[in-house]
C-alpha atoms as a PDB file:
ATOM      1  CA  UNK A   1      -7.227 -53.041 -65.578  1.00  0.00           C
ATOM      2  CA  UNK A   2      -7.839 -51.492 -69.140  1.00  0.00           C
ATOM      3  CA  UNK A   3      -8.765 -48.217 -67.553  1.00  0.00           C
ATOM      4  CA  UNK A   4      -5.974 -47.619 -65.820  1.00  0.00           C
ATOM      5  CA  UNK A   5      -3.703 -47.929 -68.734  1.00  0.00           C
ATOM      6  CA  UNK A   6      -5.434 -45.657 -70.629  1.00  0.00           C
ATOM      7  CA  UNK A   7      -5.853 -43.069 -67.732  1.00  0.00           C
ATOM      8  CA  UNK A   8      -1.818 -43.406 -67.972  1.00  0.00           C
ATOM      9  CA  UNK A   9      -1.854 -42.982 -71.884  1.00  0.00           C
ATOM     10  CA  UNK A  10      -3.861 -39.587 -70.844  1.00  0.00           C
ATOM     11  CA  UNK A  11      -1.816 -38.499 -68.983  1.00  0.00           C
ATOM     12  CA  UNK A  12       1.128 -38.630 -70.698  1.00  0.00           C
ATOM     13  CA  UNK A  13      -0.555 -37.473 -73.859  1.00  0.00           C
ATOM     14  CA  UNK A  14      -2.973 -34.678 -73.041  1.00  0.00           C
ATOM     15  CA  UNK A  15      -1.228 -33.480 -70.144  1.00  0.00           C
ATOM     16  CA  UNK A  16       2.013 -33.793 -69.755  1.00  0.00           C
ATOM     17  CA  UNK A  17       2.802 -33.145 -73.609  1.00  0.00           C
ATOM     18  CA  UNK A  18       0.660 -29.382 -73.198  1.00  0.00           C
ATOM     19  CA  UNK A  19       3.383 -27.273 -73.403  1.00  0.00           C
ATOM     20  CA  UNK A  20       4.833 -29.500 -77.269  1.00  0.00           C
ATOM     21  CA  UNK A  21       1.226 -29.701 -78.293  1.00  0.00           C
ATOM     22  CA  UNK A  22       0.954 -25.655 -77.847  1.00  0.00           C
ATOM     23  CA  UNK A  23       4.027 -24.982 -79.258  1.00  0.00           C
ATOM     24  CA  UNK A  24       3.125 -27.074 -82.720  1.00  0.00           C
ATOM     25  CA  UNK A  25      -0.078 -25.216 -82.854  1.00  0.00           C
ATOM     26  CA  UNK A  26       1.973 -21.828 -82.448  1.00  0.00           C
ATOM     27  CA  UNK A  27       4.426 -22.817 -85.229  1.00  0.00           C
ATOM     28  CA  UNK A  28       1.125 -23.252 -87.310  1.00  0.00           C
ATOM     29  CA  UNK A  29       0.472 -19.563 -87.002  1.00  0.00           C
ATOM     30  CA  UNK A  30       3.601 -18.192 -86.568  1.00  0.00           C
ATOM     31  CA  UNK A  31       6.984 -19.988 -87.243  1.00  0.00           C
ATOM     32  CA  UNK A  32       9.033 -16.537 -86.213  1.00  0.00           C
ATOM     33  CA  UNK A  33       7.545 -16.915 -82.731  1.00  0.00           C
ATOM     34  CA  UNK A  34       7.660 -20.816 -82.401  1.00  0.00           C
ATOM     35  CA  UNK A  35      11.401 -20.428 -83.369  1.00  0.00           C
ATOM     36  CA  UNK A  36      12.309 -17.031 -80.535  1.00  0.00           C
ATOM     37  CA  UNK A  37      10.493 -20.256 -78.017  1.00  0.00           C
ATOM     38  CA  UNK A  38      13.190 -22.545 -79.008  1.00  0.00           C
ATOM     39  CA  UNK A  39      16.221 -20.334 -79.057  1.00  0.00           C
ATOM     40  CA  UNK A  40      14.934 -18.512 -75.872  1.00  0.00           C
ATOM     41  CA  UNK A  41      14.756 -21.936 -74.243  1.00  0.00           C
ATOM     42  CA  UNK A  42      18.590 -23.244 -75.935  1.00  0.00           C
ATOM     43  CA  UNK A  43      19.686 -19.582 -74.314  1.00  0.00           C
ATOM     44  CA  UNK A  44      18.427 -20.543 -70.661  1.00  0.00           C
ATOM     45  CA  UNK A  45      20.036 -24.392 -70.985  1.00  0.00           C
ATOM     46  CA  UNK A  46      23.859 -22.172 -72.022  1.00  0.00           C
ATOM     47  CA  UNK A  47      23.510 -19.772 -69.146  1.00  0.00           C
ATOM     48  CA  UNK A  48      22.476 -22.688 -66.791  1.00  0.00           C
ATOM     49  CA  UNK A  49      25.456 -24.581 -68.069  1.00  0.00           C
ATOM     50  CA  UNK A  50      27.875 -22.065 -67.934  1.00  0.00           C
ATOM     51  CA  UNK A  51      26.854 -20.795 -64.178  1.00  0.00           C
ATOM     52  CA  UNK A  52      27.353 -24.722 -63.476  1.00  0.00           C
ATOM     53  CA  UNK A  53      30.345 -24.455 -65.261  1.00  0.00           C
ATOM     54  CA  UNK A  54      31.886 -21.994 -63.189  1.00  0.00           C
ATOM     55  CA  UNK A  55      30.496 -22.921 -59.978  1.00  0.00           C
ATOM     56  CA  UNK A  56      32.668 -26.660 -61.080  1.00  0.00           C
ATOM     57  CA  UNK A  57      35.970 -24.243 -61.285  1.00  0.00           C
ATOM     58  CA  UNK A  58      35.592 -21.914 -57.979  1.00  0.00           C
ATOM     59  CA  UNK A  59      35.031 -25.746 -55.989  1.00  0.00           C
ATOM     60  CA  UNK A  60      38.665 -26.668 -58.134  1.00  0.00           C
ATOM     61  CA  UNK A  61      40.383 -23.941 -57.165  1.00  0.00           C
ATOM     62  CA  UNK A  62      39.117 -23.578 -53.579  1.00  0.00           C
ATOM     63  CA  UNK A  63      40.240 -27.565 -53.315  1.00  0.00           C
ATOM     64  CA  UNK A  64      36.776 -28.615 -52.107  1.00  0.00           C
ATOM     65  CA  UNK A  65      35.741 -31.166 -54.332  1.00  0.00           C
ATOM     66  CA  UNK A  66      36.233 -34.457 -53.120  1.00  0.00           C
ATOM     67  CA  UNK A  67      37.556 -36.624 -55.805  1.00  0.00           C
ATOM     68  CA  UNK A  68      38.285 -39.548 -53.693  1.00  0.00           C
ATOM     69  CA  UNK A  69      37.075 -43.557 -54.434  1.00  0.00           C
ATOM     70  CA  UNK A  70      34.833 -43.064 -51.703  1.00  0.00           C
ATOM     71  CA  UNK A  71      33.461 -39.858 -52.646  1.00  0.00           C
ATOM     72  CA  UNK A  72      29.881 -41.088 -53.811  1.00  0.00           C
ATOM     73  CA  UNK A  73      28.122 -43.502 -51.665  1.00  0.00           C
ATOM     74  CA  UNK A  74      27.706 -45.756 -54.205  1.00  0.00           C
ATOM     75  CA  UNK A  75      31.097 -45.912 -55.195  1.00  0.00           C
ATOM     76  CA  UNK A  76      33.072 -47.224 -52.706  1.00  0.00           C
ATOM     77  CA  UNK A  77      30.714 -49.907 -51.453  1.00  0.00           C
ATOM     78  CA  UNK A  78      32.044 -53.738 -50.946  1.00  0.00           C
ATOM     79  CA  UNK A  79      30.386 -55.942 -53.049  1.00  0.00           C
ATOM     80  CA  UNK A  80      29.614 -59.057 -50.617  1.00  0.00           C
END
């Protein structure tokens, strides 16, 4: 059982965190390049958020947005 949890730990620490480790290593070598990567990610997030809000406004203007209480299946169910 110990090996199972060590495997999970290895997966999260070594595999999933690999991009963050690479970015930390890059910061030690070139601070400006590491910050450029970070700002690029922030810029992509801002553009995606702007696009999403634009699409929400389009649906709102067309009257296609369902604002009823049962718009989502989990909101309208009766608790029995």
